C-alpha atoms as a PDB file:
ATOM      1  CA  MET A   1      12.957  11.016 -40.032  1.00  0.00           C
ATOM      2  CA  PRO A   2      13.080   8.764 -36.935  1.00  0.00           C
ATOM      3  CA  SER A   3      15.910   9.170 -34.501  1.00  0.00           C
ATOM      4  CA  SER A   4      18.495   6.386 -34.288  1.00  0.00           C
ATOM      5  CA  ASP A   5      18.211   6.512 -30.452  1.00  0.00           C
ATOM      6  CA  LEU A   6      14.699   5.067 -30.600  1.00  0.00           C
ATOM      7  CA  SER A   7      15.738   1.977 -32.541  1.00  0.00           C
ATOM      8  CA  GLN A   8      18.311   0.898 -29.940  1.00  0.00           C
ATOM      9  CA  PRO A   9      17.136  -0.903 -26.788  1.00  0.00           C
ATOM     10  CA  SER A  10      17.135   1.187 -23.623  1.00  0.00           C
ATOM     11  CA  SER A  11      19.803   0.485 -21.040  1.00  0.00           C
ATOM     12  CA  GLN A  12      17.801   2.191 -18.287  1.00  0.00           C
ATOM     13  CA  VAL A  13      14.595   1.375 -16.449  1.00  0.00           C
ATOM     14  CA  LEU A  14      12.269   3.916 -14.844  1.00  0.00           C
ATOM     15  CA  ILE A  15      10.910   2.700 -11.486  1.00  0.00           C
ATOM     16  CA  ARG A  16       8.004   4.509  -9.807  1.00  0.00           C
ATOM     17  CA  ALA A  17       6.445   4.069  -6.373  1.00  0.00           C
ATOM     18  CA  THR A  18       3.832   5.826  -4.225  1.00  0.00           C
ATOM     19  CA  ASN A  19       2.787   5.658  -0.590  1.00  0.00           C
ATOM     20  CA  GLY A  20      -0.694   4.500  -1.615  1.00  0.00           C
ATOM     21  CA  ALA A  21      -2.518   7.580  -0.328  1.00  0.00           C
ATOM     22  CA  SER A  22      -5.261   8.648  -2.678  1.00  0.00           C
ATOM     23  CA  SER A  23      -5.188  12.181  -3.986  1.00  0.00           C
ATOM     24  CA  ALA A  24      -8.618  11.898  -5.614  1.00  0.00           C
ATOM     25  CA  LYS A  25     -11.686  13.318  -3.902  1.00  0.00           C
ATOM     26  CA  PRO A  26     -14.431  10.845  -2.919  1.00  0.00           C
ATOM     27  CA  LYS A  27     -17.202  10.607  -5.536  1.00  0.00           C
ATOM     28  CA  ALA A  28     -20.117   9.736  -3.251  1.00  0.00           C
ATOM     29  CA  LYS A  29     -21.569  12.338  -0.917  1.00  0.00           C
ATOM     30  CA  PRO A  30     -21.903  11.369   2.766  1.00  0.00           C
ATOM     31  CA  THR A  31     -25.399  10.238   3.736  1.00  0.00           C
ATOM     32  CA  SER A  32     -25.364  11.915   7.145  1.00  0.00           C
ATOM     33  CA  LYS A  33     -24.722  15.583   7.865  1.00  0.00           C
ATOM     34  CA  VAL A  34     -21.955  14.785  10.363  1.00  0.00           C
ATOM     35  CA  SER A  35     -19.375  12.391   9.073  1.00  0.00           C
ATOM     36  CA  LYS A  36     -15.987  11.323  10.319  1.00  0.00           C
ATOM     37  CA  PRO A  37     -13.030  11.863   8.030  1.00  0.00           C
ATOM     38  CA  GLN A  38     -11.827   8.628   6.514  1.00  0.00           C
ATOM     39  CA  GLN A  39      -8.613   7.221   7.856  1.00  0.00           C
ATOM     40  CA  GLY A  40      -5.681   8.347   5.751  1.00  0.00           C
ATOM     41  CA  SER A  41      -7.696  10.951   3.872  1.00  0.00           C
ATOM     42  CA  THR A  42      -5.480  13.735   5.226  1.00  0.00           C
ATOM     43  CA  LYS A  43      -2.300  12.041   4.046  1.00  0.00           C
ATOM     44  CA  GLN A  44      -0.548  13.659   1.151  1.00  0.00           C
ATOM     45  CA  LYS A  45       0.268  11.383  -1.767  1.00  0.00           C
ATOM     46  CA  ILE A  46       4.008  10.879  -2.180  1.00  0.00           C
ATOM     47  CA  LYS A  47       5.444   9.864  -5.536  1.00  0.00           C
ATOM     48  CA  LEU A  48       8.961   8.577  -6.077  1.00  0.00           C
ATOM     49  CA  ALA A  49      10.743   7.840  -9.325  1.00  0.00           C
ATOM     50  CA  THR A  50      14.260   6.768 -10.165  1.00  0.00           C
ATOM     51  CA  VAL A  51      16.145   5.629 -13.231  1.00  0.00           C
ATOM     52  CA  VAL A  52      18.235   2.477 -12.871  1.00  0.00           C
ATOM     53  CA  GLU A  53      20.723   1.080 -15.333  1.00  0.00           C
ATOM     54  CA  THR A  54      19.727  -2.429 -16.410  1.00  0.00           C
ATOM     55  CA  ALA A  55      23.139  -3.727 -15.338  1.00  0.00           C
ATOM     56  CA  HIS A  56      22.403  -2.581 -11.756  1.00  0.00           C
ATOM     57  CA  LEU A  57      18.792  -3.830 -11.460  1.00  0.00           C
ATOM     58  CA  ASP A  58      19.623  -6.838  -9.262  1.00  0.00           C
ATOM     59  CA  SER A  59      21.543  -4.772  -6.728  1.00  0.00           C
ATOM     60  CA  PHE A  60      18.850  -2.069  -6.804  1.00  0.00           C
ATOM     61  CA  TYR A  61      16.055  -4.521  -6.009  1.00  0.00           C
ATOM     62  CA  THR A  62      18.143  -6.115  -3.240  1.00  0.00           C
ATOM     63  CA  LYS A  63      18.676  -2.721  -1.603  1.00  0.00           C
ATOM     64  CA  TYR A  64      15.034  -1.732  -2.228  1.00  0.00           C
ATOM     65  CA  ALA A  65      13.821  -4.907  -0.490  1.00  0.00           C
ATOM     66  CA  ASP A  66      16.069  -4.141   2.495  1.00  0.00           C
ATOM     67  CA  VAL A  67      14.585  -0.635   2.766  1.00  0.00           C
ATOM     68  CA  CYS A  68      11.041  -2.020   2.593  1.00  0.00           C
ATOM     69  CA  LYS A  69      11.799  -4.589   5.306  1.00  0.00           C
ATOM     70  CA  LYS A  70      13.269  -1.899   7.576  1.00  0.00           C
ATOM     71  CA  GLY A  71      10.106   0.139   7.154  1.00  0.00           C
ATOM     72  CA  MET A  72       7.977  -2.806   8.299  1.00  0.00           C
ATOM     73  CA  GLU A  73       9.969  -3.572  11.460  1.00  0.00           C
ATOM     74  CA  GLY A  74       7.832  -1.210  13.545  1.00  0.00           C
ATOM     75  CA  LEU A  75       4.596  -2.918  12.566  1.00  0.00           C
ATOM     76  CA  ARG A  76       2.972  -5.364  14.961  1.00  0.00           C
ATOM     77  CA  LYS A  77       1.850  -8.818  13.951  1.00  0.00           C
ATOM     78  CA  ARG A  78      -1.878  -9.429  14.086  1.00  0.00           C
ATOM     79  CA  ASP A  79      -3.028 -11.379  17.102  1.00  0.00           C
ATOM     80  CA  LYS A  80      -5.086 -14.018  15.316  1.00  0.00           C
ATOM     81  CA  LYS A  81      -5.702 -16.060  18.465  1.00  0.00           C
ATOM     82  CA  ARG A  82      -7.382 -13.155  20.261  1.00  0.00           C
ATOM     83  CA  ALA A  83      -9.503 -12.366  17.184  1.00  0.00           C
ATOM     84  CA  LYS A  84     -10.627 -16.000  16.964  1.00  0.00           C
ATOM     85  CA  GLU A  85     -11.589 -16.007  20.661  1.00  0.00           C
ATOM     86  CA  LYS A  86     -13.661 -12.829  20.229  1.00  0.00           C
ATOM     87  CA  ALA A  87     -15.414 -14.239  17.164  1.00  0.00           C
ATOM     88  CA  LYS A  88     -16.125 -17.513  18.952  1.00  0.00           C
ATOM     89  CA  ALA A  89     -17.518 -15.685  22.009  1.00  0.00           C
ATOM     90  CA  ALA A  90     -19.716 -13.475  19.833  1.00  0.00           C
ATOM     91  CA  LYS A  91     -21.001 -16.509  17.926  1.00  0.00           C
ATOM     92  CA  LYS A  92     -21.723 -18.353  21.163  1.00  0.00           C
ATOM     93  CA  LYS A  93     -23.527 -15.302  22.581  1.00  0.00           C
ATOM     94  CA  LYS A  94     -25.548 -14.903  19.390  1.00  0.00           C
ATOM     95  CA  GLY A  95     -26.439 -18.608  19.415  1.00  0.00           C
ATOM     96  CA  THR A  96     -27.733 -18.544  23.023  1.00  0.00           C
ATOM     97  CA  THR A  97     -29.937 -15.467  22.461  1.00  0.00           C
ATOM     98  CA  ALA A  98     -31.565 -17.060  19.372  1.00  0.00           C
ATOM     99  CA  ASN A  99     -32.909 -20.025  21.419  1.00  0.00           C
END
């Protein structure tokens, strides 16, 4: 006999997040005998889970966004101008050696 709890809509939401580090081993074998470890391969995968009442979802996501923004404050913006200059110089150098 089915439980009456299953017929009622849930008032909670399960939210999961990870740090994006892969815990799976690479499938392909390295082609050379000496290989460098891949960046981030030594990181341990971190999993987080929390249960939030549906009535509190808006405030949860507001606070979650604030935490995510704080975590990104230490990151530097990409210097697109410098990258464009390097690409332009490499293209110019490549174009002069082809003639």
